[in-house]
Amino acid sequence: MLKTHQLKAFYGDFQALFGIDFEIGQSETVAIIGSNGAGKSTFLKSICGLIKSPNETVRLENHSIGELPAEARVRLGISLVPEGRKLFRSLSVEENLRIGGFAKRDGYWNLARVYELFPALIEKKYAPATSLSGGQQQMVAIGRALLSNPKLLLCDEISLGLSPLVVKDIYNALPKICAEGLSVVLVEQDIDAALKASNRYYCFMHGKVSLSGESSFAKRRDISAAYFGITEDQS
């Protein structure tokens, strides 16, 4: 579905990513774990076009897209659920959701199916989006991304600041989302949640891939070393 090859990213003179090789297949969920500042969100921004890269370093279905702007990548089937949700404060829940459909891509997702996925939003659809609870706002952010009918859904810290019960509800929705053929990149600091929800994982540290593998075979000791740069027997 998507590959990156030696992907680098910069903020001015500051380099945030140092040659990331990554791939995700059709209907696969891949987790990216790592501490704050590891480069996880920067990587998603590079995939969705908020940070431009050399054209050949990002490929979607074998087409180079590294130099395309973000709106062109949405039309090709890449959608982002941003960290912090980034809802439009002046718009209702349903208006925020409808914005996701501006690319007019055909596919499974429409308003009715988003409400079926997140029934808590039905009675709130005319309320200002930012009047909702944090968990409900996250549902709006995910629903907005789905309404673009993406092939690849990028989720940036969807559990951040939410209660464990709400996080469980949101993660329970992921299998239903993937069942429609989507590939999902899941950026997450909660290691256990990320591994449970994914097929494979990449661990980032200081803008590089420090470890990768199949989630079901992940070993806590290896992840601790890759995540923090220390082993469990070090103080």
C-alpha atoms as a PDB file:
ATOM      1  CA  MET A   1       0.000   0.000   0.000  1.00  0.00           C
ATOM      2  CA  LEU A   2       2.636   2.521   1.076  1.00  0.00           C
ATOM      3  CA  LYS A   3       6.422   2.522   1.391  1.00  0.00           C
ATOM      4  CA  THR A   4       8.980   5.062   2.484  1.00  0.00           C
ATOM      5  CA  HIS A   5      12.648   4.756   1.577  1.00  0.00           C
ATOM      6  CA  GLN A   6      15.347   6.680   3.405  1.00  0.00           C
ATOM      7  CA  LEU A   7      12.771   9.307   4.356  1.00  0.00           C
ATOM      8  CA  LYS A   8      14.224  12.405   5.982  1.00  0.00           C
ATOM      9  CA  ALA A   9      12.386  15.399   7.398  1.00  0.00           C
ATOM     10  CA  PHE A  10      13.479  18.846   8.478  1.00  0.00           C
ATOM     11  CA  TYR A  11      12.070  21.830  10.352  1.00  0.00           C
ATOM     12  CA  GLY A  12      14.276  24.532   8.941  1.00  0.00           C
ATOM     13  CA  ASP A  13      17.830  23.500   9.795  1.00  0.00           C
ATOM     14  CA  PHE A  14      16.687  20.947  12.371  1.00  0.00           C
ATOM     15  CA  GLN A  15      16.565  17.365  11.128  1.00  0.00           C
ATOM     16  CA  ALA A  16      13.750  15.299  12.692  1.00  0.00           C
ATOM     17  CA  LEU A  17      13.870  12.072  10.642  1.00  0.00           C
ATOM     18  CA  PHE A  18      17.002  10.240   9.542  1.00  0.00           C
ATOM     19  CA  GLY A  19      16.320   7.807   6.714  1.00  0.00           C
ATOM     20  CA  ILE A  20      13.105   5.966   7.656  1.00  0.00           C
ATOM     21  CA  ASP A  21      12.361   2.742   5.762  1.00  0.00           C
ATOM     22  CA  PHE A  22       8.753   1.698   6.347  1.00  0.00           C
ATOM     23  CA  GLU A  23       6.012  -0.256   4.613  1.00  0.00           C
ATOM     24  CA  ILE A  24       2.389  -1.182   5.170  1.00  0.00           C
ATOM     25  CA  GLY A  25       0.244  -3.608   3.205  1.00  0.00           C
ATOM     26  CA  GLN A  26      -3.418  -3.731   2.222  1.00  0.00           C
ATOM     27  CA  SER A  27      -5.801  -4.041   5.211  1.00  0.00           C
ATOM     28  CA  GLU A  28      -2.861  -4.066   7.614  1.00  0.00           C
ATOM     29  CA  THR A  29      -2.569  -2.145  10.880  1.00  0.00           C
ATOM     30  CA  VAL A  30       0.948  -1.020  11.725  1.00  0.00           C
ATOM     31  CA  ALA A  31       1.804   0.686  15.012  1.00  0.00           C
ATOM     32  CA  ILE A  32       4.527   3.278  15.475  1.00  0.00           C
ATOM     33  CA  ILE A  33       5.662   3.551  19.068  1.00  0.00           C
ATOM     34  CA  GLY A  34       8.257   5.729  20.735  1.00  0.00           C
ATOM     35  CA  SER A  35       8.727   8.422  23.338  1.00  0.00           C
ATOM     36  CA  ASN A  36       7.990  12.130  22.918  1.00  0.00           C
ATOM     37  CA  GLY A  37      10.255  13.676  20.311  1.00  0.00           C
ATOM     38  CA  ALA A  38      11.032  10.363  18.614  1.00  0.00           C
ATOM     39  CA  GLY A  39       9.691  11.596  15.254  1.00  0.00           C
ATOM     40  CA  LYS A  40       6.374   9.751  15.139  1.00  0.00           C
ATOM     41  CA  SER A  41       4.120  12.716  14.325  1.00  0.00           C
ATOM     42  CA  THR A  42       6.698  14.130  11.918  1.00  0.00           C
ATOM     43  CA  PHE A  43       6.624  10.830  10.058  1.00  0.00           C
ATOM     44  CA  LEU A  44       2.837  11.003   9.658  1.00  0.00           C
ATOM     45  CA  LYS A  45       3.088  14.616   8.469  1.00  0.00           C
ATOM     46  CA  SER A  46       5.594  13.500   5.852  1.00  0.00           C
ATOM     47  CA  ILE A  47       3.257  10.770   4.623  1.00  0.00           C
ATOM     48  CA  CYS A  48       0.195  13.014   4.392  1.00  0.00           C
ATOM     49  CA  GLY A  49       2.027  15.941   2.785  1.00  0.00           C
ATOM     50  CA  LEU A  50       2.222  18.478   5.588  1.00  0.00           C
ATOM     51  CA  ILE A  51       5.987  18.105   5.242  1.00  0.00           C
ATOM     52  CA  LYS A  52       7.292  17.674   1.692  1.00  0.00           C
ATOM     53  CA  SER A  53       9.975  15.143   0.853  1.00  0.00           C
ATOM     54  CA  PRO A  54      11.943  14.099  -2.228  1.00  0.00           C
ATOM     55  CA  ASN A  55       9.416  12.521  -4.557  1.00  0.00           C
ATOM     56  CA  GLU A  56      10.807   8.978  -4.550  1.00  0.00           C
ATOM     57  CA  THR A  57      11.039   8.691  -0.756  1.00  0.00           C
ATOM     58  CA  VAL A  58       7.257   8.196  -0.343  1.00  0.00           C
ATOM     59  CA  ARG A  59       5.375   5.784  -2.601  1.00  0.00           C
ATOM     60  CA  LEU A  60       1.652   5.000  -2.553  1.00  0.00           C
ATOM     61  CA  GLU A  61       0.698   1.896  -4.520  1.00  0.00           C
ATOM     62  CA  ASN A  62       3.984   2.183  -6.427  1.00  0.00           C
ATOM     63  CA  HIS A  63       3.516   5.858  -7.342  1.00  0.00           C
ATOM     64  CA  SER A  64       5.956   8.456  -6.016  1.00  0.00           C
ATOM     65  CA  ILE A  65       4.084  11.109  -4.019  1.00  0.00           C
ATOM     66  CA  GLY A  66       6.744  12.758  -1.849  1.00  0.00           C
ATOM     67  CA  GLU A  67       6.411  16.153  -3.523  1.00  0.00           C
ATOM     68  CA  LEU A  68       2.604  16.218  -3.750  1.00  0.00           C
ATOM     69  CA  PRO A  69       0.696  18.692  -1.544  1.00  0.00           C
ATOM     70  CA  ALA A  70      -1.542  17.413   1.243  1.00  0.00           C
ATOM     71  CA  GLU A  71      -4.818  17.978  -0.617  1.00  0.00           C
ATOM     72  CA  ALA A  72      -3.604  15.873  -3.560  1.00  0.00           C
ATOM     73  CA  ARG A  73      -2.711  13.034  -1.210  1.00  0.00           C
ATOM     74  CA  VAL A  74      -6.203  13.132   0.313  1.00  0.00           C
ATOM     75  CA  ARG A  75      -7.648  12.683  -3.157  1.00  0.00           C
ATOM     76  CA  LEU A  76      -5.336   9.709  -3.658  1.00  0.00           C
ATOM     77  CA  GLY A  77      -6.636   8.090  -0.480  1.00  0.00           C
ATOM     78  CA  ILE A  78      -4.533   9.219   2.496  1.00  0.00           C
ATOM     79  CA  SER A  79      -6.326  10.676   5.517  1.00  0.00           C
ATOM     80  CA  LEU A  80      -5.020  11.886   8.888  1.00  0.00           C
ATOM     81  CA  VAL A  81      -6.624  11.863  12.331  1.00  0.00           C
ATOM     82  CA  PRO A  82      -4.401  14.553  13.851  1.00  0.00           C
ATOM     83  CA  GLU A  83      -3.070  14.678  17.377  1.00  0.00           C
ATOM     84  CA  GLY A  84      -5.367  16.902  19.432  1.00  0.00           C
ATOM     85  CA  ARG A  85      -8.289  16.271  17.013  1.00  0.00           C
ATOM     86  CA  LYS A  86      -8.177  19.779  15.425  1.00  0.00           C
ATOM     87  CA  LEU A  87     -11.951  20.164  15.102  1.00  0.00           C
ATOM     88  CA  PHE A  88     -13.508  23.377  13.784  1.00  0.00           C
ATOM     89  CA  ARG A  89     -14.819  25.180  16.865  1.00  0.00           C
ATOM     90  CA  SER A  90     -17.494  27.180  15.015  1.00  0.00           C
ATOM     91  CA  LEU A  91     -19.041  24.121  13.354  1.00  0.00           C
ATOM     92  CA  SER A  92     -21.405  21.420  14.578  1.00  0.00           C
ATOM     93  CA  VAL A  93     -20.523  17.747  14.822  1.00  0.00           C
ATOM     94  CA  GLU A  94     -22.174  16.963  11.508  1.00  0.00           C
ATOM     95  CA  GLU A  95     -20.596  19.949   9.765  1.00  0.00           C
ATOM     96  CA  ASN A  96     -17.175  18.804  10.945  1.00  0.00           C
ATOM     97  CA  LEU A  97     -17.912  15.320   9.648  1.00  0.00           C
ATOM     98  CA  ARG A  98     -19.070  16.570   6.252  1.00  0.00           C
ATOM     99  CA  ILE A  99     -15.800  18.439   5.738  1.00  0.00           C
ATOM    100  CA  GLY A 100     -14.128  15.044   5.480  1.00  0.00           C
ATOM    101  CA  GLY A 101     -15.985  14.386   2.233  1.00  0.00           C
ATOM    102  CA  PHE A 102     -14.614  17.335   0.281  1.00  0.00           C
ATOM    103  CA  ALA A 103     -12.392  15.060  -1.811  1.00  0.00           C
ATOM    104  CA  LYS A 104     -15.540  13.329  -3.144  1.00  0.00           C
ATOM    105  CA  ARG A 105     -13.932   9.893  -3.222  1.00  0.00           C
ATOM    106  CA  ASP A 106     -16.282   6.965  -3.718  1.00  0.00           C
ATOM    107  CA  GLY A 107     -16.324   4.269  -1.091  1.00  0.00           C
ATOM    108  CA  TYR A 108     -17.992   2.585   1.840  1.00  0.00           C
ATOM    109  CA  TRP A 109     -18.070   5.469   4.311  1.00  0.00           C
ATOM    110  CA  ASN A 110     -20.891   7.981   4.528  1.00  0.00           C
ATOM    111  CA  LEU A 111     -22.609   9.838   7.384  1.00  0.00           C
ATOM    112  CA  ALA A 112     -24.975   6.978   8.168  1.00  0.00           C
ATOM    113  CA  ARG A 113     -22.127   4.490   8.507  1.00  0.00           C
ATOM    114  CA  VAL A 114     -20.085   6.836  10.684  1.00  0.00           C
ATOM    115  CA  TYR A 115     -23.078   7.220  13.000  1.00  0.00           C
ATOM    116  CA  GLU A 116     -23.452   3.444  13.004  1.00  0.00           C
ATOM    117  CA  LEU A 117     -19.798   3.114  14.004  1.00  0.00           C
ATOM    118  CA  PHE A 118     -20.101   5.816  16.679  1.00  0.00           C
ATOM    119  CA  PRO A 119     -23.778   5.910  17.795  1.00  0.00           C
ATOM    120  CA  ALA A 120     -22.937   8.332  20.622  1.00  0.00           C
ATOM    121  CA  LEU A 121     -22.646  11.066  17.978  1.00  0.00           C
ATOM    122  CA  ILE A 122     -26.210  10.753  16.674  1.00  0.00           C
ATOM    123  CA  GLU A 123     -27.892  12.817  19.387  1.00  0.00           C
ATOM    124  CA  LYS A 124     -24.979  15.300  19.324  1.00  0.00           C
ATOM    125  CA  LYS A 125     -24.849  15.923  15.588  1.00  0.00           C
ATOM    126  CA  TYR A 126     -26.197  19.488  15.793  1.00  0.00           C
ATOM    127  CA  ALA A 127     -24.151  20.460  18.854  1.00  0.00           C
ATOM    128  CA  PRO A 128     -20.897  22.440  18.551  1.00  0.00           C
ATOM    129  CA  ALA A 129     -18.173  19.852  18.121  1.00  0.00           C
ATOM    130  CA  THR A 130     -16.017  21.302  20.875  1.00  0.00           C
ATOM    131  CA  SER A 131     -18.879  21.021  23.406  1.00  0.00           C
ATOM    132  CA  LEU A 132     -18.510  17.230  23.346  1.00  0.00           C
ATOM    133  CA  SER A 133     -16.424  15.141  25.705  1.00  0.00           C
ATOM    134  CA  GLY A 134     -12.854  14.374  24.689  1.00  0.00           C
ATOM    135  CA  GLY A 135     -13.779  10.851  23.651  1.00  0.00           C
ATOM    136  CA  GLN A 136     -16.698  12.008  21.527  1.00  0.00           C
ATOM    137  CA  GLN A 137     -14.508  14.656  19.891  1.00  0.00           C
ATOM    138  CA  GLN A 138     -12.048  11.918  18.991  1.00  0.00           C
ATOM    139  CA  MET A 139     -14.902   9.967  17.399  1.00  0.00           C
ATOM    140  CA  VAL A 140     -15.722  13.058  15.306  1.00  0.00           C
ATOM    141  CA  ALA A 141     -12.086  13.370  14.236  1.00  0.00           C
ATOM    142  CA  ILE A 142     -11.967   9.704  13.192  1.00  0.00           C
ATOM    143  CA  GLY A 143     -15.341   9.951  11.434  1.00  0.00           C
ATOM    144  CA  ARG A 144     -14.229  13.064   9.541  1.00  0.00           C
ATOM    145  CA  ALA A 145     -11.152  11.199   8.295  1.00  0.00           C
ATOM    146  CA  LEU A 146     -13.221   8.165   7.272  1.00  0.00           C
ATOM    147  CA  LEU A 147     -15.620  10.300   5.227  1.00  0.00           C
ATOM    148  CA  SER A 148     -12.804  10.992   2.784  1.00  0.00           C
ATOM    149  CA  ASN A 149     -12.992   7.231   2.068  1.00  0.00           C
ATOM    150  CA  PRO A 150      -9.243   6.695   2.424  1.00  0.00           C
ATOM    151  CA  LYS A 151      -7.139   3.699   1.505  1.00  0.00           C
ATOM    152  CA  LEU A 152      -4.683   4.625   4.243  1.00  0.00           C
ATOM    153  CA  LEU A 153      -5.781   6.046   7.604  1.00  0.00           C
ATOM    154  CA  LEU A 154      -3.129   7.744   9.752  1.00  0.00           C
ATOM    155  CA  CYS A 155      -4.028   7.975  13.453  1.00  0.00           C
ATOM    156  CA  ASP A 156      -1.872  10.232  15.626  1.00  0.00           C
ATOM    157  CA  GLU A 157      -2.169   9.563  19.373  1.00  0.00           C
ATOM    158  CA  ILE A 158      -5.906   8.796  19.353  1.00  0.00           C
ATOM    159  CA  SER A 159      -5.841   7.747  23.023  1.00  0.00           C
ATOM    160  CA  LEU A 160      -4.090  10.872  24.285  1.00  0.00           C
ATOM    161  CA  GLY A 161      -5.825  12.421  27.303  1.00  0.00           C
ATOM    162  CA  LEU A 162      -8.760  10.004  27.260  1.00  0.00           C
ATOM    163  CA  SER A 163     -10.005   7.708  30.016  1.00  0.00           C
ATOM    164  CA  PRO A 164      -9.213   3.981  29.726  1.00  0.00           C
ATOM    165  CA  LEU A 165     -12.887   3.172  29.118  1.00  0.00           C
ATOM    166  CA  VAL A 166     -13.154   5.637  26.230  1.00  0.00           C
ATOM    167  CA  VAL A 167      -9.871   4.414  24.776  1.00  0.00           C
ATOM    168  CA  LYS A 168     -11.246   0.869  24.844  1.00  0.00           C
ATOM    169  CA  ASP A 169     -14.380   1.969  22.958  1.00  0.00           C
ATOM    170  CA  ILE A 170     -12.319   3.714  20.278  1.00  0.00           C
ATOM    171  CA  TYR A 171      -9.940   0.799  19.840  1.00  0.00           C
ATOM    172  CA  ASN A 172     -12.915  -1.569  19.602  1.00  0.00           C
ATOM    173  CA  ALA A 173     -13.955   0.352  16.495  1.00  0.00           C
ATOM    174  CA  LEU A 174     -10.654  -0.295  14.684  1.00  0.00           C
ATOM    175  CA  PRO A 175     -11.449  -3.867  13.540  1.00  0.00           C
ATOM    176  CA  LYS A 176     -14.675  -2.596  11.958  1.00  0.00           C
ATOM    177  CA  ILE A 177     -12.714   0.108  10.157  1.00  0.00           C
ATOM    178  CA  CYS A 178     -10.075  -2.318   8.902  1.00  0.00           C
ATOM    179  CA  ALA A 179     -12.759  -4.786   7.798  1.00  0.00           C
ATOM    180  CA  GLU A 180     -13.604  -2.411   4.953  1.00  0.00           C
ATOM    181  CA  GLY A 181     -10.115  -2.793   3.476  1.00  0.00           C
ATOM    182  CA  LEU A 182      -8.365   0.180   5.029  1.00  0.00           C
ATOM    183  CA  SER A 183      -4.735   0.144   6.034  1.00  0.00           C
ATOM    184  CA  VAL A 184      -4.092   1.924   9.342  1.00  0.00           C
ATOM    185  CA  VAL A 185      -0.920   3.512  10.704  1.00  0.00           C
ATOM    186  CA  LEU A 186      -1.342   3.905  14.429  1.00  0.00           C
ATOM    187  CA  VAL A 187       0.993   6.279  16.279  1.00  0.00           C
ATOM    188  CA  GLU A 188       0.729   5.549  19.975  1.00  0.00           C
ATOM    189  CA  GLN A 189       2.685   5.967  23.212  1.00  0.00           C
ATOM    190  CA  ASP A 190       0.611   3.282  24.943  1.00  0.00           C
ATOM    191  CA  ILE A 191       2.720   0.264  23.993  1.00  0.00           C
ATOM    192  CA  ASP A 192       0.251  -2.388  25.120  1.00  0.00           C
ATOM    193  CA  ALA A 193      -2.677  -0.804  23.234  1.00  0.00           C
ATOM    194  CA  ALA A 194      -0.571  -0.338  20.117  1.00  0.00           C
ATOM    195  CA  LEU A 195       0.691  -3.921  20.034  1.00  0.00           C
ATOM    196  CA  LYS A 196      -2.745  -5.382  20.734  1.00  0.00           C
ATOM    197  CA  ALA A 197      -4.344  -3.420  17.882  1.00  0.00           C
ATOM    198  CA  SER A 198      -1.645  -3.937  15.233  1.00  0.00           C
ATOM    199  CA  ASN A 199      -0.200  -6.617  12.990  1.00  0.00           C
ATOM    200  CA  ARG A 200       3.309  -5.171  13.008  1.00  0.00           C
ATOM    201  CA  TYR A 201       5.152  -2.366  14.764  1.00  0.00           C
ATOM    202  CA  TYR A 202       8.028   0.050  14.320  1.00  0.00           C
ATOM    203  CA  CYS A 203       9.733   1.663  17.278  1.00  0.00           C
ATOM    204  CA  PHE A 204      11.216   5.123  16.701  1.00  0.00           C
ATOM    205  CA  MET A 205      14.006   6.711  18.699  1.00  0.00           C
ATOM    206  CA  HIS A 206      15.691  10.019  17.842  1.00  0.00           C
ATOM    207  CA  GLY A 207      14.173  10.076  14.357  1.00  0.00           C
ATOM    208  CA  LYS A 208      15.309   6.569  13.418  1.00  0.00           C
ATOM    209  CA  VAL A 209      13.763   3.093  13.425  1.00  0.00           C
ATOM    210  CA  SER A 210      15.255   1.371  16.459  1.00  0.00           C
ATOM    211  CA  LEU A 211      13.221  -1.857  16.243  1.00  0.00           C
ATOM    212  CA  SER A 212      10.485  -3.451  14.131  1.00  0.00           C
ATOM    213  CA  GLY A 213       8.662  -6.740  14.023  1.00  0.00           C
ATOM    214  CA  GLU A 214       5.390  -8.627  14.318  1.00  0.00           C
ATOM    215  CA  SER A 215       3.316  -7.335  17.205  1.00  0.00           C
ATOM    216  CA  SER A 216       2.314 -10.772  18.460  1.00  0.00           C
ATOM    217  CA  PHE A 217       5.982 -11.724  18.943  1.00  0.00           C
ATOM    218  CA  ALA A 218       7.159  -8.451  20.496  1.00  0.00           C
ATOM    219  CA  LYS A 219       9.313  -8.825  23.603  1.00  0.00           C
ATOM    220  CA  ARG A 220       9.089  -6.240  26.366  1.00  0.00           C
ATOM    221  CA  ARG A 221      12.843  -6.259  26.996  1.00  0.00           C
ATOM    222  CA  ASP A 222      13.634  -5.534  23.348  1.00  0.00           C
ATOM    223  CA  ILE A 223      11.021  -2.774  23.183  1.00  0.00           C
ATOM    224  CA  SER A 224      12.327  -1.155  26.379  1.00  0.00           C
ATOM    225  CA  ALA A 225      15.801  -1.004  24.869  1.00  0.00           C
ATOM    226  CA  ALA A 226      14.505   0.355  21.550  1.00  0.00           C
ATOM    227  CA  TYR A 227      12.050   2.807  23.145  1.00  0.00           C
ATOM    228  CA  PHE A 228      14.322   4.330  25.777  1.00  0.00           C
ATOM    229  CA  GLY A 229      17.765   3.276  24.650  1.00  0.00           C
ATOM    230  CA  ILE A 230      18.343   1.304  27.854  1.00  0.00           C
ATOM    231  CA  THR A 231      17.964  -2.298  28.922  1.00  0.00           C
ATOM    232  CA  GLU A 232      15.852  -3.405  31.860  1.00  0.00           C
ATOM    233  CA  ASP A 233      18.849  -4.244  34.034  1.00  0.00           C
ATOM    234  CA  GLN A 234      20.233  -0.703  33.742  1.00  0.00           C
ATOM    235  CA  SER A 235      19.356   1.840  36.422  1.00  0.00           C
END
